[in-house]
Amino acid sequence: MVVGLTERLDSFVRTHNDRQLAAIPLAIFVIALLILAFTFASTGAPVKLGMEFKGGTMISVATEESVQSLEERFADYPISDIRQTGSRVIMQFGPMSDEMQHDLVSNVVSSYTSVEINQIGPVYGISLQKQAVNAVIISFIGMAILIFLIFKTFVPSIAVVVSAFSDIIIAAAFMNVAGIELSLGTVAALLMIIGYSVDSDILLNTRVLKRRGTPQESITSAMHTGVTMTTTTLAALIVMYLVSTYSYLLSSSLSQINLLSNISIVLIFGLVADLMNTWMLNTSILRWHVTKNGPRRRKA
């Protein structure tokens, strides 16, 4: 399967010029930007914020009541999400007054057994927002500086940075489309996408700029290694997503692990975007740069 994917991708790269290769990832990048802009105009943030960043209350109870019944029962409270996970139901509520929150907690505790309640204040949520944004910005800047120090050439370095940035933007847009909120877990997933992206892009740039042979031969060699690495990681993430999302179907004693489910699906989509950006966008930029600058000094 991996060999077949690599061969088809290599054939596609060989039979299309640099503009054609770059057109598809750039078009998807623009669409992703439009999705983020629309979400920002609608909600005030480029992605839908989870409870950790906007504050709220999450309540987990053991009950056999249907989701619809619970939605009607707690309709007077700012309920934002409710889902069944095995024998338990998780309800998430937005920020509310202290009086309303006290009333909600009293209502739940008096009506259900095995109740778990987590609360985050809006002030703490805003603080986490700033920390998360700073973490992403610092990671990206650190990555960009490292790339420029490694290659010391503008075009190959900027190609890696652009590819990684596109991976993040596309993954964030996918979160909006799929209804996945920005949480501490998905922030971690976005940071990991930067690492995965840089890994494959450095592999490609190193092979093309510092190895013997034609640029296309170097691209093919890097592609066989890089696609194998990415698809292996994708296989592990798919398994993690299925286990964390649907394990409750095998036994009622198991519940959905939302944190792992969200992390895995965001990483899956980010790595799929990285396959496109590395082997189409970055490849087209690098191939154009090498062709324009003529023969290179290359190591054995």
Protein backbone atom coordinates (compact mmCIF):
# COMPACT_ATOMS: atom_id res chain seq x y z
CA MET A 1 0.00 0.00 0.00
CA VAL A 2 2.77 2.45 0.95
CA VAL A 3 4.76 1.52 -2.17
CA GLY A 4 1.70 2.06 -4.36
CA LEU A 5 1.01 5.46 -2.80
CA THR A 6 4.63 6.51 -3.23
CA GLU A 7 4.71 5.41 -6.87
CA ARG A 8 1.51 7.27 -7.71
CA LEU A 9 2.70 10.39 -5.91
CA ASP A 10 6.10 10.22 -7.62
CA SER A 11 4.42 9.79 -11.02
CA PHE A 12 2.19 12.79 -10.31
CA VAL A 13 5.17 14.96 -9.36
CA ARG A 14 7.12 13.90 -12.45
CA THR A 15 4.29 14.60 -14.90
CA HIS A 16 3.31 18.05 -13.61
CA ASN A 17 5.28 21.27 -13.72
CA ASP A 18 6.06 23.41 -10.70
CA ARG A 19 3.08 25.76 -11.11
CA GLN A 20 0.66 22.87 -11.43
CA LEU A 21 2.09 21.19 -8.33
CA ALA A 22 1.84 24.34 -6.24
CA ALA A 23 -1.67 25.25 -7.44
CA ILE A 24 -3.55 22.55 -5.49
CA PRO A 25 -2.02 23.10 -2.01
CA LEU A 26 -2.19 26.88 -2.44
CA ALA A 27 -5.88 26.70 -3.38
CA ILE A 28 -6.64 24.56 -0.32
CA PHE A 29 -4.58 26.96 1.83
CA VAL A 30 -6.69 29.91 0.62
CA ILE A 31 -9.92 28.00 1.33
CA ALA A 32 -8.63 27.22 4.83
CA LEU A 33 -7.87 30.91 5.42
CA LEU A 34 -11.40 31.84 4.32
CA ILE A 35 -12.88 29.29 6.75
CA LEU A 36 -10.80 30.73 9.61
CA ALA A 37 -11.76 34.28 8.63
CA PHE A 38 -15.45 33.39 8.56
CA THR A 39 -15.20 31.73 11.98
CA PHE A 40 -13.36 34.74 13.38
CA ALA A 41 -16.03 37.10 12.05
CA SER A 42 -18.76 34.92 13.57
CA THR A 43 -17.27 34.08 16.97
CA GLY A 44 -14.39 36.47 17.59
CA ALA A 45 -11.80 33.67 17.38
CA PRO A 46 -10.38 31.81 14.34
CA VAL A 47 -11.36 28.47 15.90
CA LYS A 48 -14.15 27.51 18.29
CA LEU A 49 -12.79 27.75 21.83
CA GLY A 50 -13.20 24.86 24.24
CA MET A 51 -14.08 25.08 27.89
CA GLU A 52 -10.45 25.46 28.97
CA PHE A 53 -10.19 28.76 27.06
CA LYS A 54 -13.59 30.36 27.61
CA GLY A 55 -14.55 28.95 31.00
CA GLY A 56 -17.54 26.80 31.86
CA THR A 57 -18.69 23.65 33.59
CA MET A 58 -18.41 20.02 32.48
CA ILE A 59 -20.60 17.45 34.20
CA SER A 60 -20.40 13.68 33.72
CA VAL A 61 -23.19 11.48 35.10
CA ALA A 62 -24.13 7.81 34.98
CA THR A 63 -27.62 7.65 33.48
CA GLU A 64 -29.75 5.78 30.97
CA GLU A 65 -31.63 8.92 29.92
CA SER A 66 -31.41 9.86 26.25
CA VAL A 67 -29.39 12.83 25.05
CA GLN A 68 -32.59 14.51 23.81
CA SER A 69 -34.24 14.12 27.20
CA LEU A 70 -31.28 15.66 28.98
CA GLU A 71 -31.15 18.56 26.51
CA GLU A 72 -34.78 19.36 27.33
CA ARG A 73 -34.19 18.99 31.07
CA PHE A 74 -31.25 21.41 31.17
CA ALA A 75 -32.49 23.78 28.44
CA ASP A 76 -32.62 26.68 30.93
CA TYR A 77 -28.84 26.53 31.37
CA PRO A 78 -26.24 27.56 28.74
CA ILE A 79 -25.59 23.98 27.59
CA SER A 80 -23.13 23.91 24.67
CA ASP A 81 -22.53 20.19 24.16
CA ILE A 82 -23.92 16.86 25.33
CA ARG A 83 -22.75 13.40 24.32
CA GLN A 84 -23.17 9.76 25.29
CA THR A 85 -20.01 7.84 26.15
CA GLY A 86 -20.84 4.29 27.12
CA SER A 87 -22.94 4.24 30.28
CA ARG A 88 -22.23 7.90 31.04
CA VAL A 89 -23.36 11.22 29.60
CA ILE A 90 -21.10 14.26 29.46
CA MET A 91 -22.71 17.71 29.47
CA GLN A 92 -20.77 20.88 28.84
CA PHE A 93 -22.10 24.31 29.85
CA GLY A 94 -20.80 27.77 28.97
CA PRO A 95 -20.01 30.56 31.44
CA MET A 96 -22.87 31.43 33.81
CA SER A 97 -23.52 33.43 36.96
CA ASP A 98 -22.52 31.98 40.34
CA GLU A 99 -26.17 31.67 41.31
CA MET A 100 -27.07 29.73 38.16
CA GLN A 101 -24.01 27.51 38.49
CA HIS A 102 -24.89 26.68 42.10
CA ASP A 103 -28.44 25.87 41.04
CA LEU A 104 -27.17 23.62 38.24
CA VAL A 105 -24.81 21.70 40.51
CA SER A 106 -27.53 21.22 43.14
CA ASN A 107 -29.94 19.98 40.48
CA VAL A 108 -27.47 17.43 39.10
CA VAL A 109 -26.19 16.16 42.47
CA SER A 110 -29.73 15.62 43.78
CA SER A 111 -30.87 13.80 40.61
CA TYR A 112 -27.96 11.52 39.67
CA THR A 113 -25.35 9.25 41.21
CA SER A 114 -21.71 8.99 40.23
CA VAL A 115 -21.44 12.67 39.33
CA GLU A 116 -18.17 14.27 38.17
CA ILE A 117 -17.99 18.07 37.92
CA ASN A 118 -15.17 20.19 36.46
CA GLN A 119 -15.31 23.98 36.49
CA ILE A 120 -13.05 26.58 34.88
CA GLY A 121 -13.50 30.31 35.47
CA PRO A 122 -13.45 32.75 32.51
CA VAL A 123 -10.44 34.64 33.89
CA TYR A 124 -8.38 31.46 34.04
CA GLY A 125 -9.61 30.57 30.54
CA ILE A 126 -8.36 33.87 29.13
CA SER A 127 -4.98 33.27 30.77
CA LEU A 128 -4.79 29.85 29.13
CA GLN A 129 -5.68 31.43 25.78
CA LYS A 130 -2.68 33.74 25.99
CA GLN A 131 -0.36 30.91 27.05
CA ALA A 132 -1.54 28.67 24.19
CA VAL A 133 -1.10 31.42 21.59
CA ASN A 134 2.36 32.23 22.93
CA ALA A 135 3.34 28.53 22.81
CA VAL A 136 2.35 28.23 19.14
CA ILE A 137 4.05 31.50 18.16
CA ILE A 138 7.28 30.72 20.04
CA SER A 139 7.40 27.19 18.59
CA PHE A 140 6.91 28.50 15.07
CA ILE A 141 9.53 31.23 15.43
CA GLY A 142 12.00 28.74 16.92
CA MET A 143 11.37 26.37 14.05
CA ALA A 144 11.90 29.13 11.46
CA ILE A 145 15.20 30.24 13.05
CA LEU A 146 16.47 26.65 13.17
CA ILE A 147 15.58 26.06 9.51
CA PHE A 148 17.44 29.20 8.37
CA LEU A 149 20.50 28.18 10.42
CA ILE A 150 20.52 24.70 8.86
CA PHE A 151 20.16 25.64 5.17
CA LYS A 152 21.43 29.25 5.15
CA THR A 153 19.59 29.78 1.86
CA PHE A 154 16.42 31.85 1.65
CA VAL A 155 14.25 29.93 -0.83
CA PRO A 156 14.65 26.38 0.60
CA SER A 157 14.26 27.75 4.12
CA ILE A 158 11.13 29.74 3.35
CA ALA A 159 9.66 26.70 1.58
CA VAL A 160 9.88 24.70 4.84
CA VAL A 161 8.34 27.55 6.85
CA VAL A 162 5.50 28.05 4.35
CA SER A 163 4.76 24.32 4.29
CA ALA A 164 4.59 24.09 8.09
CA PHE A 165 2.43 27.22 8.31
CA SER A 166 0.03 25.80 5.72
CA ASP A 167 -0.22 22.54 7.69
CA ILE A 168 -1.29 24.47 10.81
CA ILE A 169 -3.81 26.63 8.93
CA ILE A 170 -5.41 23.66 7.16
CA ALA A 171 -5.59 21.63 10.39
CA ALA A 172 -7.22 24.56 12.22
CA ALA A 173 -9.75 25.03 9.41
CA PHE A 174 -10.56 21.31 9.56
CA MET A 175 -11.27 21.69 13.28
CA ASN A 176 -13.92 24.30 12.44
CA VAL A 177 -15.48 22.14 9.74
CA ALA A 178 -15.52 19.04 11.98
CA GLY A 179 -16.77 20.97 15.02
CA ILE A 180 -13.66 20.25 17.11
CA GLU A 181 -13.01 22.85 19.78
CA LEU A 182 -9.63 24.30 20.61
CA SER A 183 -8.55 22.67 23.86
CA LEU A 184 -5.23 22.05 25.56
CA GLY A 185 -5.15 18.70 23.78
CA THR A 186 -5.72 20.11 20.30
CA VAL A 187 -3.15 22.86 20.94
CA ALA A 188 -0.66 20.07 21.67
CA ALA A 189 -1.72 18.38 18.42
CA LEU A 190 -1.08 21.59 16.44
CA LEU A 191 2.37 21.88 18.01
CA MET A 192 3.12 18.26 17.08
CA ILE A 193 2.08 18.98 13.48
CA ILE A 194 4.86 21.58 13.31
CA GLY A 195 7.36 18.90 14.34
CA TYR A 196 6.09 16.34 11.83
CA SER A 197 6.10 18.94 9.06
CA VAL A 198 9.65 20.09 9.72
CA ASP A 199 10.84 16.47 9.87
CA SER A 200 9.63 15.59 6.36
CA ASP A 201 10.58 18.96 4.86
CA ILE A 202 14.15 18.80 6.18
CA LEU A 203 14.44 15.28 4.77
CA LEU A 204 13.37 16.53 1.33
CA ASN A 205 15.58 19.64 1.35
CA THR A 206 18.63 17.75 2.58
CA ARG A 207 18.30 15.06 -0.11
CA VAL A 208 17.80 17.55 -2.93
CA LEU A 209 20.44 20.10 -1.89
CA LYS A 210 23.21 17.86 -0.55
CA ARG A 211 23.09 14.53 -2.40
CA ARG A 212 24.39 13.45 -5.80
CA GLY A 213 22.05 12.85 -8.73
CA THR A 214 19.39 14.87 -10.50
CA PRO A 215 16.83 16.84 -8.48
CA GLN A 216 14.07 14.42 -9.50
CA GLU A 217 16.11 11.40 -8.40
CA SER A 218 16.70 13.04 -5.02
CA ILE A 219 13.00 13.90 -4.69
CA THR A 220 12.04 10.29 -5.45
CA SER A 221 14.55 8.97 -2.91
CA ALA A 222 13.30 11.34 -0.21
CA MET A 223 9.69 10.55 -1.07
CA HIS A 224 10.15 6.80 -0.48
CA THR A 225 11.53 7.49 3.00
CA GLY A 226 9.24 10.39 3.91
CA VAL A 227 5.96 8.83 2.77
CA THR A 228 6.80 5.62 4.65
CA MET A 229 7.46 7.61 7.83
CA THR A 230 4.22 9.59 7.52
CA THR A 231 1.97 6.66 6.62
CA THR A 232 3.36 4.61 9.51
CA THR A 233 2.46 7.44 11.89
CA LEU A 234 -0.95 7.79 10.25
CA ALA A 235 -1.67 4.09 10.78
CA ALA A 236 -0.90 4.40 14.50
CA LEU A 237 -3.06 7.53 14.79
CA ILE A 238 -6.00 5.89 13.03
CA VAL A 239 -5.87 3.01 15.50
CA MET A 240 -5.69 5.48 18.40
CA TYR A 241 -8.69 7.38 17.02
CA LEU A 242 -10.81 4.25 16.60
CA VAL A 243 -9.98 2.92 20.07
CA SER A 244 -10.49 6.25 21.86
CA THR A 245 -13.69 7.07 19.96
CA TYR A 246 -15.56 3.78 19.53
CA SER A 247 -14.29 1.46 22.27
CA TYR A 248 -17.59 1.89 24.15
CA LEU A 249 -19.31 -0.06 21.36
CA LEU A 250 -17.44 -3.17 22.49
CA SER A 251 -18.34 -2.84 26.17
CA SER A 252 -20.62 -0.52 28.15
CA SER A 253 -17.93 -0.32 30.83
CA LEU A 254 -15.67 1.54 28.39
CA SER A 255 -16.16 5.20 27.59
CA GLN A 256 -15.07 7.53 24.85
CA ILE A 257 -11.77 9.28 25.55
CA ASN A 258 -12.48 12.67 23.99
CA LEU A 259 -9.01 14.12 24.57
CA LEU A 260 -7.25 11.32 22.68
CA SER A 261 -9.98 11.25 20.04
CA ASN A 262 -9.59 14.96 19.26
CA ILE A 263 -5.78 14.86 19.33
CA SER A 264 -5.65 11.88 16.97
CA ILE A 265 -8.14 13.24 14.40
CA VAL A 266 -6.43 16.64 14.27
CA LEU A 267 -3.05 14.95 13.82
CA ILE A 268 -4.45 12.67 11.11
CA PHE A 269 -5.74 15.60 9.09
CA GLY A 270 -2.56 17.60 9.75
CA LEU A 271 -0.37 14.77 8.45
CA VAL A 272 -2.55 14.34 5.36
CA ALA A 273 -2.11 18.08 4.74
CA ASP A 274 1.64 17.64 5.30
CA LEU A 275 1.81 14.92 2.64
CA MET A 276 0.30 17.39 0.17
CA ASN A 277 2.35 20.41 1.25
CA THR A 278 5.69 18.59 1.44
CA TRP A 279 5.51 16.59 -1.77
CA MET A 280 3.66 19.15 -3.88
CA LEU A 281 4.17 22.68 -2.54
CA ASN A 282 7.64 22.34 -1.02
CA THR A 283 8.78 20.08 -3.88
CA SER A 284 7.64 22.56 -6.53
CA ILE A 285 9.44 25.47 -4.80
CA LEU A 286 12.60 23.46 -4.27
CA ARG A 287 12.65 22.04 -7.80
CA TRP A 288 12.17 25.52 -9.25
CA HIS A 289 14.98 26.90 -7.07
CA VAL A 290 17.45 24.17 -8.02
CA THR A 291 16.63 24.42 -11.74
CA LYS A 292 16.96 28.20 -11.70
CA ASN A 293 20.34 28.15 -9.95
CA GLY A 294 21.82 25.44 -12.16
CA PRO A 295 24.19 22.63 -11.06
CA ARG A 296 24.95 22.34 -7.38
CA ARG A 297 27.81 21.06 -5.33
CA ARG A 298 26.56 17.86 -3.86
CA LYS A 299 28.02 15.34 -1.45
CA ALA A 300 28.19 11.64 -2.07
